[in-house]
Amino acid sequence: EEKLQADNEYPLLDAHKVQHASFVKAVNELKDMLDEEEGPSEAFVEAVKKNIVEWLLNHICVWDKQVAQFIKEK
């Protein structure tokens, strides 16, 4: 995804990279939480929903659509 943006000189590439980095951080934090709790607790499931599902939906529906529109107009 980032390569596609770079190849098309997408002006918000750096901001998009920040979004991806925050996702990686959230996944790592969830992994740590899962390790500490020795399995998926109710709190873990809620954290996955909040930090992964909601993030992905927002990212795809907002950020990725902006990229698609930019490339389409280009």
C-alpha atoms as a PDB file:
ATOM      1  CA  GLU A   1       0.000   0.000   0.000  1.00  0.00           C
ATOM      2  CA  GLU A   2       2.757   2.445   0.882  1.00  0.00           C
ATOM      3  CA  LYS A   3       4.672   1.521  -2.281  1.00  0.00           C
ATOM      4  CA  LEU A   4       1.575   2.234  -4.366  1.00  0.00           C
ATOM      5  CA  GLN A   5       1.283   5.623  -2.708  1.00  0.00           C
ATOM      6  CA  ALA A   6       4.967   6.396  -3.197  1.00  0.00           C
ATOM      7  CA  ASP A   7       4.808   5.333  -6.852  1.00  0.00           C
ATOM      8  CA  ASN A   8       1.887   7.729  -7.350  1.00  0.00           C
ATOM      9  CA  GLU A   9       3.451  10.572  -5.323  1.00  0.00           C
ATOM     10  CA  TYR A  10       0.551  10.599  -2.895  1.00  0.00           C
ATOM     11  CA  PRO A  11       0.909  13.818  -0.867  1.00  0.00           C
ATOM     12  CA  LEU A  12      -0.323  12.297   2.418  1.00  0.00           C
ATOM     13  CA  LEU A  13       2.021   9.310   2.356  1.00  0.00           C
ATOM     14  CA  ASP A  14       3.819  10.337   5.546  1.00  0.00           C
ATOM     15  CA  ALA A  15       0.531  10.692   7.429  1.00  0.00           C
ATOM     16  CA  HIS A  16      -0.561   7.321   6.076  1.00  0.00           C
ATOM     17  CA  LYS A  17       2.687   5.781   7.337  1.00  0.00           C
ATOM     18  CA  VAL A  18       1.921   7.199  10.789  1.00  0.00           C
ATOM     19  CA  GLN A  19      -1.459   5.469  10.654  1.00  0.00           C
ATOM     20  CA  HIS A  20       0.184   2.167   9.775  1.00  0.00           C
ATOM     21  CA  ALA A  21       2.731   2.575  12.571  1.00  0.00           C
ATOM     22  CA  SER A  22      -0.067   3.145  15.089  1.00  0.00           C
ATOM     23  CA  PHE A  23      -1.721  -0.060  13.900  1.00  0.00           C
ATOM     24  CA  VAL A  24       1.495  -2.036  14.346  1.00  0.00           C
ATOM     25  CA  LYS A  25       1.876  -0.572  17.835  1.00  0.00           C
ATOM     26  CA  ALA A  26      -1.705  -1.558  18.723  1.00  0.00           C
ATOM     27  CA  VAL A  27      -1.141  -5.112  17.490  1.00  0.00           C
ATOM     28  CA  ASN A  28       2.054  -5.404  19.533  1.00  0.00           C
ATOM     29  CA  GLU A  29       0.284  -4.102  22.632  1.00  0.00           C
ATOM     30  CA  LEU A  30      -2.505  -6.641  22.128  1.00  0.00           C
ATOM     31  CA  LYS A  31       0.048  -9.411  21.766  1.00  0.00           C
ATOM     32  CA  ASP A  32       1.624  -8.352  25.057  1.00  0.00           C
ATOM     33  CA  MET A  33      -1.800  -8.235  26.687  1.00  0.00           C
ATOM     34  CA  LEU A  34      -2.614 -11.712  25.417  1.00  0.00           C
ATOM     35  CA  ASP A  35       0.703 -13.045  26.716  1.00  0.00           C
ATOM     36  CA  GLU A  36       0.186 -11.449  30.137  1.00  0.00           C
ATOM     37  CA  GLU A  37      -3.347 -12.774  30.516  1.00  0.00           C
ATOM     38  CA  GLU A  38      -2.431 -16.242  29.278  1.00  0.00           C
ATOM     39  CA  GLY A  39      -5.290 -16.308  26.824  1.00  0.00           C
ATOM     40  CA  PRO A  40      -8.114 -14.201  25.450  1.00  0.00           C
ATOM     41  CA  SER A  41     -10.012 -12.543  28.281  1.00  0.00           C
ATOM     42  CA  GLU A  42     -13.147 -10.468  27.883  1.00  0.00           C
ATOM     43  CA  ALA A  43     -10.997  -7.331  28.179  1.00  0.00           C
ATOM     44  CA  PHE A  44      -8.716  -8.622  25.436  1.00  0.00           C
ATOM     45  CA  VAL A  45     -11.640  -9.266  23.085  1.00  0.00           C
ATOM     46  CA  GLU A  46     -12.928  -5.731  23.707  1.00  0.00           C
ATOM     47  CA  ALA A  47      -9.451  -4.307  23.089  1.00  0.00           C
ATOM     48  CA  VAL A  48      -9.228  -6.201  19.788  1.00  0.00           C
ATOM     49  CA  LYS A  49     -12.598  -4.839  18.750  1.00  0.00           C
ATOM     50  CA  LYS A  50     -11.627  -1.289  19.638  1.00  0.00           C
ATOM     51  CA  ASN A  51      -8.030  -1.291  18.461  1.00  0.00           C
ATOM     52  CA  ILE A  52      -8.135  -3.576  15.446  1.00  0.00           C
ATOM     53  CA  VAL A  53     -11.635  -3.849  14.038  1.00  0.00           C
ATOM     54  CA  GLU A  54     -12.514  -0.180  14.459  1.00  0.00           C
ATOM     55  CA  TRP A  55      -9.074   0.908  13.267  1.00  0.00           C
ATOM     56  CA  LEU A  56      -9.314  -1.209  10.121  1.00  0.00           C
ATOM     57  CA  LEU A  57     -12.809  -0.003   9.306  1.00  0.00           C
ATOM     58  CA  ASN A  58     -11.807   3.629   9.776  1.00  0.00           C
ATOM     59  CA  HIS A  59      -8.557   3.188   7.890  1.00  0.00           C
ATOM     60  CA  ILE A  60     -10.157   1.507   4.891  1.00  0.00           C
ATOM     61  CA  CYS A  61     -13.247   3.702   4.779  1.00  0.00           C
ATOM     62  CA  VAL A  62     -11.396   6.991   5.237  1.00  0.00           C
ATOM     63  CA  TRP A  63      -7.673   6.773   4.529  1.00  0.00           C
ATOM     64  CA  ASP A  64      -7.637   4.151   1.798  1.00  0.00           C
ATOM     65  CA  LYS A  65     -10.605   5.697   0.014  1.00  0.00           C
ATOM     66  CA  GLN A  66      -8.717   8.991  -0.108  1.00  0.00           C
ATOM     67  CA  VAL A  67      -5.776   7.231  -1.728  1.00  0.00           C
ATOM     68  CA  ALA A  68      -8.028   5.508  -4.244  1.00  0.00           C
ATOM     69  CA  GLN A  69      -9.700   8.796  -5.131  1.00  0.00           C
ATOM     70  CA  PHE A  70      -6.328  10.525  -5.542  1.00  0.00           C
ATOM     71  CA  ILE A  71      -5.008   7.812  -7.853  1.00  0.00           C
ATOM     72  CA  LYS A  72      -8.265   7.679  -9.805  1.00  0.00           C
ATOM     73  CA  GLU A  73      -8.181  11.437 -10.399  1.00  0.00           C
ATOM     74  CA  LYS A  74      -4.516  11.332 -11.307  1.00  0.00           C
END
